[in-house]
């Protein structure tokens, strides 16, 4: 089943997340008797988010166990009523899309994708419809999407400390290891890692990083920068970055706007372009932004003619 609540773009995304988590806690506690009546053994819960036109869309995916002869219709009615009540009590609103229950569908679901993978792959799944996952937002940021950068930051702040995947006591009852136990075993096999007490923190320009790690260079740019930082500290990292940037200028990646290559001009970039790097632009600012890009592109074309 899937559990969520209504939300819109302008809301405080952290508050939306808080309401959902609190509502789930109430709902889960109140369903104790219903679980017992259905022969409940345990459940697997995954917390997932996408970002779309209505803002942050946090929701739970659950696989709930029950006896084969359990009254599933009665269980669904009880779950829906309890969920709507819990959301309302936490100050939220639940529409018909807030509760989605599919009974006896595990075989069909497994045919499409293994359930364990579906519930645990929230970092790699593709957003449905128009929503984007956090991974998709990061990919858009890499391509220079400033709105995606703004949304990703809001989402991360709203989700701080949230447990994304939980199987409760179900693995123990079934006598199988949990994913966290698999990770523990792998870490034990590799031995304890020696972590630096004072990690190196270096501020690089986003434009510089995007150019230095551009795929057209045919090199693992980010890995090279990190390795240089590890071996030579900040000076080594900056030297590697500058070397990659020089290589980038020689290759001139085809997607780079002409006005970006003019960034080294004494006059620097116009204020509207600097503003676009830090936040989404207003309607009036977008018009000014497009005008500036058009004029700078024309200037660059004349200079190279």
C-alpha atoms as a PDB file:
ATOM      1  CA  UNK A   1       0.000   0.000   0.000  1.00  0.00           C
ATOM      2  CA  UNK A   2       0.969   3.664  -0.327  1.00  0.00           C
ATOM      3  CA  UNK A   3       0.303   6.360   2.291  1.00  0.00           C
ATOM      4  CA  UNK A   4       0.633  10.112   1.747  1.00  0.00           C
ATOM      5  CA  UNK A   5      -1.187  13.427   2.301  1.00  0.00           C
ATOM      6  CA  UNK A   6      -2.034  16.601   0.386  1.00  0.00           C
ATOM      7  CA  UNK A   7       0.673  19.218  -0.108  1.00  0.00           C
ATOM      8  CA  UNK A   8       1.537  22.207  -2.294  1.00  0.00           C
ATOM      9  CA  UNK A   9       4.731  23.871  -3.515  1.00  0.00           C
ATOM     10  CA  UNK A  10       4.611  26.900  -1.241  1.00  0.00           C
ATOM     11  CA  UNK A  11       4.302  24.934   1.990  1.00  0.00           C
ATOM     12  CA  UNK A  12       7.106  24.344   4.451  1.00  0.00           C
ATOM     13  CA  UNK A  13       8.416  20.998   3.182  1.00  0.00           C
ATOM     14  CA  UNK A  14       9.797  20.127   6.581  1.00  0.00           C
ATOM     15  CA  UNK A  15       6.343  20.569   8.109  1.00  0.00           C
ATOM     16  CA  UNK A  16       4.778  18.372   5.410  1.00  0.00           C
ATOM     17  CA  UNK A  17       7.297  15.649   6.242  1.00  0.00           C
ATOM     18  CA  UNK A  18       6.699  16.036   9.981  1.00  0.00           C
ATOM     19  CA  UNK A  19       2.929  15.646   9.518  1.00  0.00           C
ATOM     20  CA  UNK A  20       3.355  12.510   7.441  1.00  0.00           C
ATOM     21  CA  UNK A  21       5.734  10.881   9.923  1.00  0.00           C
ATOM     22  CA  UNK A  22       3.562  11.789  12.918  1.00  0.00           C
ATOM     23  CA  UNK A  23       0.408  10.574  11.162  1.00  0.00           C
ATOM     24  CA  UNK A  24       2.092   7.268  10.357  1.00  0.00           C
ATOM     25  CA  UNK A  25       3.027   6.804  14.010  1.00  0.00           C
ATOM     26  CA  UNK A  26      -0.588   7.316  15.113  1.00  0.00           C
ATOM     27  CA  UNK A  27      -1.939   5.115  12.327  1.00  0.00           C
ATOM     28  CA  UNK A  28       0.452   2.254  13.013  1.00  0.00           C
ATOM     29  CA  UNK A  29      -0.323   2.263  16.739  1.00  0.00           C
ATOM     30  CA  UNK A  30      -4.091   2.320  16.188  1.00  0.00           C
ATOM     31  CA  UNK A  31      -3.936  -0.553  13.716  1.00  0.00           C
ATOM     32  CA  UNK A  32      -2.518  -2.960  16.339  1.00  0.00           C
ATOM     33  CA  UNK A  33      -5.848  -4.729  16.878  1.00  0.00           C
ATOM     34  CA  UNK A  34      -6.558  -4.858  13.161  1.00  0.00           C
ATOM     35  CA  UNK A  35      -3.126  -6.337  12.521  1.00  0.00           C
ATOM     36  CA  UNK A  36      -3.655  -9.022  15.126  1.00  0.00           C
ATOM     37  CA  UNK A  37      -7.069  -9.950  13.735  1.00  0.00           C
ATOM     38  CA  UNK A  38      -5.593 -10.330  10.237  1.00  0.00           C
ATOM     39  CA  UNK A  39      -2.822 -12.661  11.432  1.00  0.00           C
ATOM     40  CA  UNK A  40      -0.172 -10.004  10.993  1.00  0.00           C
ATOM     41  CA  UNK A  41       3.482 -11.110  11.231  1.00  0.00           C
ATOM     42  CA  UNK A  42       5.239  -7.901  10.264  1.00  0.00           C
ATOM     43  CA  UNK A  43       5.726  -5.341   7.506  1.00  0.00           C
ATOM     44  CA  UNK A  44       8.394  -3.777   5.350  1.00  0.00           C
ATOM     45  CA  UNK A  45       8.258   0.024   5.153  1.00  0.00           C
ATOM     46  CA  UNK A  46      10.002   2.367   2.747  1.00  0.00           C
ATOM     47  CA  UNK A  47       9.900   6.173   2.902  1.00  0.00           C
ATOM     48  CA  UNK A  48      10.231   7.756  -0.520  1.00  0.00           C
ATOM     49  CA  UNK A  49      10.081  11.293  -1.919  1.00  0.00           C
ATOM     50  CA  UNK A  50       9.751  13.001  -5.270  1.00  0.00           C
ATOM     51  CA  UNK A  51       9.546  16.707  -6.099  1.00  0.00           C
ATOM     52  CA  UNK A  52       7.033  18.094  -8.580  1.00  0.00           C
ATOM     53  CA  UNK A  53       4.702  21.005  -9.286  1.00  0.00           C
ATOM     54  CA  UNK A  54       3.043  20.479  -5.897  1.00  0.00           C
ATOM     55  CA  UNK A  55       6.347  20.542  -4.049  1.00  0.00           C
ATOM     56  CA  UNK A  56       7.797  17.747  -1.945  1.00  0.00           C
ATOM     57  CA  UNK A  57       5.798  14.525  -2.250  1.00  0.00           C
ATOM     58  CA  UNK A  58       6.730  12.319   0.727  1.00  0.00           C
ATOM     59  CA  UNK A  59       5.030   8.936   0.907  1.00  0.00           C
ATOM     60  CA  UNK A  60       5.325   5.487   2.446  1.00  0.00           C
ATOM     61  CA  UNK A  61       5.329   2.180   0.569  1.00  0.00           C
ATOM     62  CA  UNK A  62       4.427  -0.813   2.722  1.00  0.00           C
ATOM     63  CA  UNK A  63       4.213  -4.572   2.316  1.00  0.00           C
ATOM     64  CA  UNK A  64       1.998  -5.956   5.093  1.00  0.00           C
ATOM     65  CA  UNK A  65       1.739  -9.670   5.912  1.00  0.00           C
ATOM     66  CA  UNK A  66      -1.532 -11.379   6.884  1.00  0.00           C
ATOM     67  CA  UNK A  67      -3.203 -14.805   6.997  1.00  0.00           C
ATOM     68  CA  UNK A  68      -4.457 -16.237   3.712  1.00  0.00           C
ATOM     69  CA  UNK A  69      -8.015 -16.336   5.049  1.00  0.00           C
ATOM     70  CA  UNK A  70      -7.957 -12.822   6.529  1.00  0.00           C
ATOM     71  CA  UNK A  71     -10.840 -10.465   5.671  1.00  0.00           C
ATOM     72  CA  UNK A  72      -8.778  -8.154   3.471  1.00  0.00           C
ATOM     73  CA  UNK A  73     -11.706  -5.892   2.569  1.00  0.00           C
ATOM     74  CA  UNK A  74     -12.421  -5.228   6.227  1.00  0.00           C
ATOM     75  CA  UNK A  75      -8.718  -4.605   6.822  1.00  0.00           C
ATOM     76  CA  UNK A  76      -8.629  -2.054   3.994  1.00  0.00           C
ATOM     77  CA  UNK A  77     -11.655  -0.171   5.360  1.00  0.00           C
ATOM     78  CA  UNK A  78     -10.118  -0.016   8.830  1.00  0.00           C
ATOM     79  CA  UNK A  79      -6.735   1.102   7.488  1.00  0.00           C
ATOM     80  CA  UNK A  80      -8.217   3.838   5.297  1.00  0.00           C
ATOM     81  CA  UNK A  81     -10.363   5.261   8.098  1.00  0.00           C
ATOM     82  CA  UNK A  82      -7.458   5.194  10.549  1.00  0.00           C
ATOM     83  CA  UNK A  83      -5.139   6.901   8.063  1.00  0.00           C
ATOM     84  CA  UNK A  84      -7.555   9.720   7.219  1.00  0.00           C
ATOM     85  CA  UNK A  85      -8.155  10.339  10.926  1.00  0.00           C
ATOM     86  CA  UNK A  86      -4.442  10.378  11.768  1.00  0.00           C
ATOM     87  CA  UNK A  87      -3.614  12.827   8.962  1.00  0.00           C
ATOM     88  CA  UNK A  88      -6.422  15.173  10.042  1.00  0.00           C
ATOM     89  CA  UNK A  89      -5.290  15.105  13.665  1.00  0.00           C
ATOM     90  CA  UNK A  90      -1.790  16.138  12.608  1.00  0.00           C
ATOM     91  CA  UNK A  91      -3.111  19.144  10.707  1.00  0.00           C
ATOM     92  CA  UNK A  92      -2.968  17.615   7.246  1.00  0.00           C
ATOM     93  CA  UNK A  93      -5.537  16.744   4.608  1.00  0.00           C
ATOM     94  CA  UNK A  94      -6.073  13.355   2.990  1.00  0.00           C
ATOM     95  CA  UNK A  95      -7.747  13.009  -0.422  1.00  0.00           C
ATOM     96  CA  UNK A  96      -8.645   9.829  -2.290  1.00  0.00           C
ATOM     97  CA  UNK A  97      -5.027   9.660  -3.452  1.00  0.00           C
ATOM     98  CA  UNK A  98      -3.700   9.642   0.104  1.00  0.00           C
ATOM     99  CA  UNK A  99      -4.402   5.945   0.654  1.00  0.00           C
ATOM    100  CA  UNK A 100      -3.776   3.317  -2.018  1.00  0.00           C
ATOM    101  CA  UNK A 101      -4.341  -0.315  -1.061  1.00  0.00           C
ATOM    102  CA  UNK A 102      -3.752  -3.309  -3.327  1.00  0.00           C
ATOM    103  CA  UNK A 103      -4.702  -6.658  -1.841  1.00  0.00           C
ATOM    104  CA  UNK A 104      -3.109 -10.001  -2.741  1.00  0.00           C
ATOM    105  CA  UNK A 105      -0.948  -8.438  -5.438  1.00  0.00           C
ATOM    106  CA  UNK A 106       2.486  -9.606  -4.343  1.00  0.00           C
ATOM    107  CA  UNK A 107       2.844 -12.077  -7.240  1.00  0.00           C
ATOM    108  CA  UNK A 108       1.996  -9.428  -9.826  1.00  0.00           C
ATOM    109  CA  UNK A 109       4.341  -6.990  -8.137  1.00  0.00           C
ATOM    110  CA  UNK A 110       7.231  -9.430  -8.079  1.00  0.00           C
ATOM    111  CA  UNK A 111       6.669 -10.122 -11.770  1.00  0.00           C
ATOM    112  CA  UNK A 112       7.385  -6.450 -12.444  1.00  0.00           C
ATOM    113  CA  UNK A 113      10.180  -5.959  -9.919  1.00  0.00           C
ATOM    114  CA  UNK A 114      11.433  -7.781  -6.879  1.00  0.00           C
ATOM    115  CA  UNK A 115       9.645  -6.326  -3.875  1.00  0.00           C
ATOM    116  CA  UNK A 116      12.806  -5.939  -1.821  1.00  0.00           C
ATOM    117  CA  UNK A 117      14.348  -3.891  -4.620  1.00  0.00           C
ATOM    118  CA  UNK A 118      11.233  -1.759  -5.064  1.00  0.00           C
ATOM    119  CA  UNK A 119      11.148  -0.936  -1.377  1.00  0.00           C
ATOM    120  CA  UNK A 120      14.845  -0.308  -0.901  1.00  0.00           C
ATOM    121  CA  UNK A 121      15.857   1.468  -4.111  1.00  0.00           C
ATOM    122  CA  UNK A 122      14.467   4.918  -3.333  1.00  0.00           C
ATOM    123  CA  UNK A 123      17.818   6.469  -4.279  1.00  0.00           C
ATOM    124  CA  UNK A 124      17.844   5.003  -7.803  1.00  0.00           C
ATOM    125  CA  UNK A 125      14.197   4.860  -8.874  1.00  0.00           C
ATOM    126  CA  UNK A 126      12.927   7.195 -11.569  1.00  0.00           C
ATOM    127  CA  UNK A 127      10.167   9.623 -10.615  1.00  0.00           C
ATOM    128  CA  UNK A 128       6.764   8.822 -12.068  1.00  0.00           C
ATOM    129  CA  UNK A 129       4.726  11.307 -14.099  1.00  0.00           C
ATOM    130  CA  UNK A 130       6.172  14.792 -13.578  1.00  0.00           C
ATOM    131  CA  UNK A 131       7.841  14.294 -10.200  1.00  0.00           C
ATOM    132  CA  UNK A 132      11.616  13.956  -9.934  1.00  0.00           C
ATOM    133  CA  UNK A 133      13.560  11.878  -7.431  1.00  0.00           C
ATOM    134  CA  UNK A 134      16.455  13.365  -5.481  1.00  0.00           C
ATOM    135  CA  UNK A 135      18.864  11.587  -7.832  1.00  0.00           C
ATOM    136  CA  UNK A 136      17.161  13.140 -10.849  1.00  0.00           C
ATOM    137  CA  UNK A 137      17.393  16.574  -9.231  1.00  0.00           C
ATOM    138  CA  UNK A 138      21.137  16.074  -8.737  1.00  0.00           C
ATOM    139  CA  UNK A 139      21.479  15.089 -12.381  1.00  0.00           C
ATOM    140  CA  UNK A 140      19.631  18.266 -13.393  1.00  0.00           C
ATOM    141  CA  UNK A 141      21.886  20.340 -11.118  1.00  0.00           C
ATOM    142  CA  UNK A 142      24.913  18.911 -12.936  1.00  0.00           C
ATOM    143  CA  UNK A 143      23.428  20.292 -16.172  1.00  0.00           C
ATOM    144  CA  UNK A 144      23.028  23.751 -14.597  1.00  0.00           C
ATOM    145  CA  UNK A 145      19.349  23.646 -13.549  1.00  0.00           C
ATOM    146  CA  UNK A 146      19.175  26.256 -10.770  1.00  0.00           C
ATOM    147  CA  UNK A 147      15.554  25.433  -9.890  1.00  0.00           C
ATOM    148  CA  UNK A 148      16.596  21.826  -9.287  1.00  0.00           C
ATOM    149  CA  UNK A 149      19.391  23.065  -7.003  1.00  0.00           C
ATOM    150  CA  UNK A 150      16.908  25.122  -4.997  1.00  0.00           C
ATOM    151  CA  UNK A 151      14.447  22.213  -4.744  1.00  0.00           C
ATOM    152  CA  UNK A 152      17.119  19.674  -3.821  1.00  0.00           C
ATOM    153  CA  UNK A 153      18.341  21.902  -0.988  1.00  0.00           C
ATOM    154  CA  UNK A 154      14.799  22.365   0.335  1.00  0.00           C
ATOM    155  CA  UNK A 155      14.170  18.625   0.165  1.00  0.00           C
ATOM    156  CA  UNK A 156      17.383  17.664   1.967  1.00  0.00           C
ATOM    157  CA  UNK A 157      16.656  20.137   4.752  1.00  0.00           C
ATOM    158  CA  UNK A 158      13.128  18.729   5.119  1.00  0.00           C
ATOM    159  CA  UNK A 159      14.306  15.097   5.203  1.00  0.00           C
ATOM    160  CA  UNK A 160      17.192  15.451   7.645  1.00  0.00           C
ATOM    161  CA  UNK A 161      17.370  12.431   9.963  1.00  0.00           C
ATOM    162  CA  UNK A 162      14.466  10.509   8.387  1.00  0.00           C
ATOM    163  CA  UNK A 163      14.821   6.710   8.364  1.00  0.00           C
ATOM    164  CA  UNK A 164      14.231   5.673   4.752  1.00  0.00           C
ATOM    165  CA  UNK A 165      13.842   1.893   5.088  1.00  0.00           C
ATOM    166  CA  UNK A 166      12.706  -0.362   7.925  1.00  0.00           C
ATOM    167  CA  UNK A 167      11.669  -4.000   8.170  1.00  0.00           C
ATOM    168  CA  UNK A 168      11.009  -3.981  11.919  1.00  0.00           C
ATOM    169  CA  UNK A 169      11.045  -7.394  13.560  1.00  0.00           C
ATOM    170  CA  UNK A 170       9.966  -9.242  10.402  1.00  0.00           C
ATOM    171  CA  UNK A 171      13.463 -10.498   9.393  1.00  0.00           C
ATOM    172  CA  UNK A 172      14.054 -11.857  12.901  1.00  0.00           C
ATOM    173  CA  UNK A 173      10.708 -13.690  12.888  1.00  0.00           C
ATOM    174  CA  UNK A 174      11.527 -15.197   9.494  1.00  0.00           C
ATOM    175  CA  UNK A 175      15.094 -16.036  10.481  1.00  0.00           C
ATOM    176  CA  UNK A 176      16.731 -13.956   7.758  1.00  0.00           C
ATOM    177  CA  UNK A 177      19.325 -11.139   7.973  1.00  0.00           C
ATOM    178  CA  UNK A 178      18.318  -7.525   7.443  1.00  0.00           C
ATOM    179  CA  UNK A 179      19.994  -5.246   4.864  1.00  0.00           C
ATOM    180  CA  UNK A 180      21.793  -3.409   7.681  1.00  0.00           C
ATOM    181  CA  UNK A 181      23.292  -6.728   8.815  1.00  0.00           C
ATOM    182  CA  UNK A 182      24.577  -7.360   5.292  1.00  0.00           C
ATOM    183  CA  UNK A 183      26.284  -3.968   5.369  1.00  0.00           C
ATOM    184  CA  UNK A 184      27.764  -4.706   8.808  1.00  0.00           C
ATOM    185  CA  UNK A 185      29.221  -7.982   7.533  1.00  0.00           C
ATOM    186  CA  UNK A 186      30.811  -6.249   4.554  1.00  0.00           C
ATOM    187  CA  UNK A 187      32.338  -3.591   6.794  1.00  0.00           C
ATOM    188  CA  UNK A 188      33.710  -6.240   9.152  1.00  0.00           C
ATOM    189  CA  UNK A 189      35.272  -8.097   6.231  1.00  0.00           C
ATOM    190  CA  UNK A 190      37.007  -4.953   5.044  1.00  0.00           C
ATOM    191  CA  UNK A 191      38.184  -3.971   8.518  1.00  0.00           C
ATOM    192  CA  UNK A 192      37.626  -0.700  10.275  1.00  0.00           C
ATOM    193  CA  UNK A 193      38.254   2.422   8.258  1.00  0.00           C
ATOM    194  CA  UNK A 194      40.540   5.097   9.664  1.00  0.00           C
ATOM    195  CA  UNK A 195      38.636   8.363   9.324  1.00  0.00           C
ATOM    196  CA  UNK A 196      40.450  11.685   9.384  1.00  0.00           C
ATOM    197  CA  UNK A 197      39.648  13.654  12.513  1.00  0.00           C
ATOM    198  CA  UNK A 198      39.756  16.956  10.628  1.00  0.00           C
ATOM    199  CA  UNK A 199      38.542  16.451   7.038  1.00  0.00           C
ATOM    200  CA  UNK A 200      39.741  18.893   4.398  1.00  0.00           C
ATOM    201  CA  UNK A 201      37.030  21.372   3.392  1.00  0.00           C
ATOM    202  CA  UNK A 202      37.642  23.247   0.149  1.00  0.00           C
ATOM    203  CA  UNK A 203      35.250  25.630  -1.610  1.00  0.00           C
ATOM    204  CA  UNK A 204      35.239  25.337  -5.392  1.00  0.00           C
ATOM    205  CA  UNK A 205      33.154  27.350  -7.847  1.00  0.00           C
ATOM    206  CA  UNK A 206      30.177  25.362  -9.189  1.00  0.00           C
ATOM    207  CA  UNK A 207      30.976  26.547 -12.724  1.00  0.00           C
ATOM    208  CA  UNK A 208      34.572  25.360 -12.357  1.00  0.00           C
ATOM    209  CA  UNK A 209      33.499  21.933 -11.105  1.00  0.00           C
ATOM    210  CA  UNK A 210      30.929  21.484 -13.892  1.00  0.00           C
ATOM    211  CA  UNK A 211      33.549  22.285 -16.511  1.00  0.00           C
ATOM    212  CA  UNK A 212      36.392  20.318 -14.915  1.00  0.00           C
ATOM    213  CA  UNK A 213      34.244  17.176 -14.622  1.00  0.00           C
ATOM    214  CA  UNK A 214      32.484  17.508 -17.983  1.00  0.00           C
ATOM    215  CA  UNK A 215      32.056  14.128 -19.789  1.00  0.00           C
ATOM    216  CA  UNK A 216      33.618  15.542 -22.976  1.00  0.00           C
ATOM    217  CA  UNK A 217      37.022  15.417 -21.267  1.00  0.00           C
ATOM    218  CA  UNK A 218      36.825  11.635 -21.211  1.00  0.00           C
ATOM    219  CA  UNK A 219      38.299  11.497 -17.715  1.00  0.00           C
ATOM    220  CA  UNK A 220      36.961  10.805 -14.202  1.00  0.00           C
ATOM    221  CA  UNK A 221      37.405  14.463 -13.246  1.00  0.00           C
ATOM    222  CA  UNK A 222      35.801  14.350  -9.813  1.00  0.00           C
ATOM    223  CA  UNK A 223      37.785  11.266  -8.817  1.00  0.00           C
ATOM    224  CA  UNK A 224      40.996  12.963  -9.964  1.00  0.00           C
ATOM    225  CA  UNK A 225      40.243  16.073  -7.894  1.00  0.00           C
ATOM    226  CA  UNK A 226      39.412  14.024  -4.800  1.00  0.00           C
ATOM    227  CA  UNK A 227      42.566  11.946  -5.190  1.00  0.00           C
ATOM    228  CA  UNK A 228      44.639  15.117  -5.521  1.00  0.00           C
ATOM    229  CA  UNK A 229      43.023  16.541  -2.382  1.00  0.00           C
ATOM    230  CA  UNK A 230      43.799  13.350  -0.503  1.00  0.00           C
ATOM    231  CA  UNK A 231      47.438  13.301  -1.560  1.00  0.00           C
ATOM    232  CA  UNK A 232      48.295  16.997  -1.717  1.00  0.00           C
ATOM    233  CA  UNK A 233      45.720  18.789   0.412  1.00  0.00           C
ATOM    234  CA  UNK A 234      43.972  21.954  -0.782  1.00  0.00           C
ATOM    235  CA  UNK A 235      46.925  23.042  -2.920  1.00  0.00           C
ATOM    236  CA  UNK A 236      46.965  19.690  -4.713  1.00  0.00           C
ATOM    237  CA  UNK A 237      43.214  19.754  -5.297  1.00  0.00           C
ATOM    238  CA  UNK A 238      43.257  23.271  -6.720  1.00  0.00           C
ATOM    239  CA  UNK A 239      46.195  22.442  -8.968  1.00  0.00           C
ATOM    240  CA  UNK A 240      44.302  19.447 -10.370  1.00  0.00           C
ATOM    241  CA  UNK A 241      41.164  21.557 -10.860  1.00  0.00           C
ATOM    242  CA  UNK A 242      43.098  24.221 -12.752  1.00  0.00           C
ATOM    243  CA  UNK A 243      44.698  21.586 -14.960  1.00  0.00           C
ATOM    244  CA  UNK A 244      41.315  20.095 -15.843  1.00  0.00           C
ATOM    245  CA  UNK A 245      39.926  23.566 -16.552  1.00  0.00           C
ATOM    246  CA  UNK A 246      42.780  24.288 -18.972  1.00  0.00           C
ATOM    247  CA  UNK A 247      42.015  21.021 -20.738  1.00  0.00           C
ATOM    248  CA  UNK A 248      38.335  21.955 -20.841  1.00  0.00           C
ATOM    249  CA  UNK A 249      39.121  25.322 -22.473  1.00  0.00           C
ATOM    250  CA  UNK A 250      41.160  23.537 -25.154  1.00  0.00           C
ATOM    251  CA  UNK A 251      38.375  21.063 -25.965  1.00  0.00           C
ATOM    252  CA  UNK A 252      35.562  23.634 -25.675  1.00  0.00           C
ATOM    253  CA  UNK A 253      32.620  21.330 -24.804  1.00  0.00           C
ATOM    254  CA  UNK A 254      29.907  22.024 -27.439  1.00  0.00           C
ATOM    255  CA  UNK A 255      27.073  22.589 -24.954  1.00  0.00           C
ATOM    256  CA  UNK A 256      28.761  25.541 -23.189  1.00  0.00           C
ATOM    257  CA  UNK A 257      26.908  28.843 -23.832  1.00  0.00           C
ATOM    258  CA  UNK A 258      29.079  31.521 -25.401  1.00  0.00           C
ATOM    259  CA  UNK A 259      28.460  33.893 -22.508  1.00  0.00           C
ATOM    260  CA  UNK A 260      29.987  31.355 -20.091  1.00  0.00           C
ATOM    261  CA  UNK A 261      33.284  31.294 -21.985  1.00  0.00           C
ATOM    262  CA  UNK A 262      33.318  35.088 -21.643  1.00  0.00           C
ATOM    263  CA  UNK A 263      33.293  34.798 -17.848  1.00  0.00           C
ATOM    264  CA  UNK A 264      37.003  35.580 -17.736  1.00  0.00           C
ATOM    265  CA  UNK A 265      36.425  39.073 -19.204  1.00  0.00           C
ATOM    266  CA  UNK A 266      37.556  41.912 -16.920  1.00  0.00           C
ATOM    267  CA  UNK A 267      33.945  43.071 -16.616  1.00  0.00           C
ATOM    268  CA  UNK A 268      32.824  39.688 -15.272  1.00  0.00           C
ATOM    269  CA  UNK A 269      29.281  38.328 -15.590  1.00  0.00           C
ATOM    270  CA  UNK A 270      26.208  40.591 -15.313  1.00  0.00           C
ATOM    271  CA  UNK A 271      24.454  40.626 -11.941  1.00  0.00           C
ATOM    272  CA  UNK A 272      21.381  38.808 -13.294  1.00  0.00           C
ATOM    273  CA  UNK A 273      23.508  35.787 -14.260  1.00  0.00           C
ATOM    274  CA  UNK A 274      25.165  35.707 -10.852  1.00  0.00           C
ATOM    275  CA  UNK A 275      21.696  35.878  -9.274  1.00  0.00           C
ATOM    276  CA  UNK A 276      20.505  32.932 -11.385  1.00  0.00           C
ATOM    277  CA  UNK A 277      23.250  30.794  -9.838  1.00  0.00           C
ATOM    278  CA  UNK A 278      21.871  31.268  -6.337  1.00  0.00           C
ATOM    279  CA  UNK A 279      18.080  31.076  -6.637  1.00  0.00           C
ATOM    280  CA  UNK A 280      15.145  30.650  -9.077  1.00  0.00           C
ATOM    281  CA  UNK A 281      14.436  33.855 -11.008  1.00  0.00           C
ATOM    282  CA  UNK A 282      11.159  35.784 -10.953  1.00  0.00           C
ATOM    283  CA  UNK A 283       9.103  36.264 -14.135  1.00  0.00           C
ATOM    284  CA  UNK A 284      10.606  39.736 -14.736  1.00  0.00           C
ATOM    285  CA  UNK A 285      14.117  38.503 -13.989  1.00  0.00           C
ATOM    286  CA  UNK A 286      13.790  35.648 -16.508  1.00  0.00           C
ATOM    287  CA  UNK A 287      13.103  38.167 -19.286  1.00  0.00           C
ATOM    288  CA  UNK A 288      16.196  40.157 -18.301  1.00  0.00           C
ATOM    289  CA  UNK A 289      18.260  36.951 -18.064  1.00  0.00           C
ATOM    290  CA  UNK A 290      17.296  35.884 -21.610  1.00  0.00           C
ATOM    291  CA  UNK A 291      18.034  39.375 -22.952  1.00  0.00           C
ATOM    292  CA  UNK A 292      21.515  39.384 -21.395  1.00  0.00           C
ATOM    293  CA  UNK A 293      22.363  35.926 -22.756  1.00  0.00           C
ATOM    294  CA  UNK A 294      21.211  36.913 -26.242  1.00  0.00           C
ATOM    295  CA  UNK A 295      23.290  40.101 -26.214  1.00  0.00           C
ATOM    296  CA  UNK A 296      26.410  38.381 -24.856  1.00  0.00           C
ATOM    297  CA  UNK A 297      26.080  35.567 -27.417  1.00  0.00           C
ATOM    298  CA  UNK A 298      25.874  38.147 -30.203  1.00  0.00           C
ATOM    299  CA  UNK A 299      28.933  39.973 -28.822  1.00  0.00           C
ATOM    300  CA  UNK A 300      30.960  36.754 -28.704  1.00  0.00           C
ATOM    301  CA  UNK A 301      29.954  35.948 -32.292  1.00  0.00           C
ATOM    302  CA  UNK A 302      31.150  39.369 -33.489  1.00  0.00           C
ATOM    303  CA  UNK A 303      34.408  39.012 -31.579  1.00  0.00           C
ATOM    304  CA  UNK A 304      35.217  35.691 -33.256  1.00  0.00           C
ATOM    305  CA  UNK A 305      34.045  36.687 -36.746  1.00  0.00           C
END
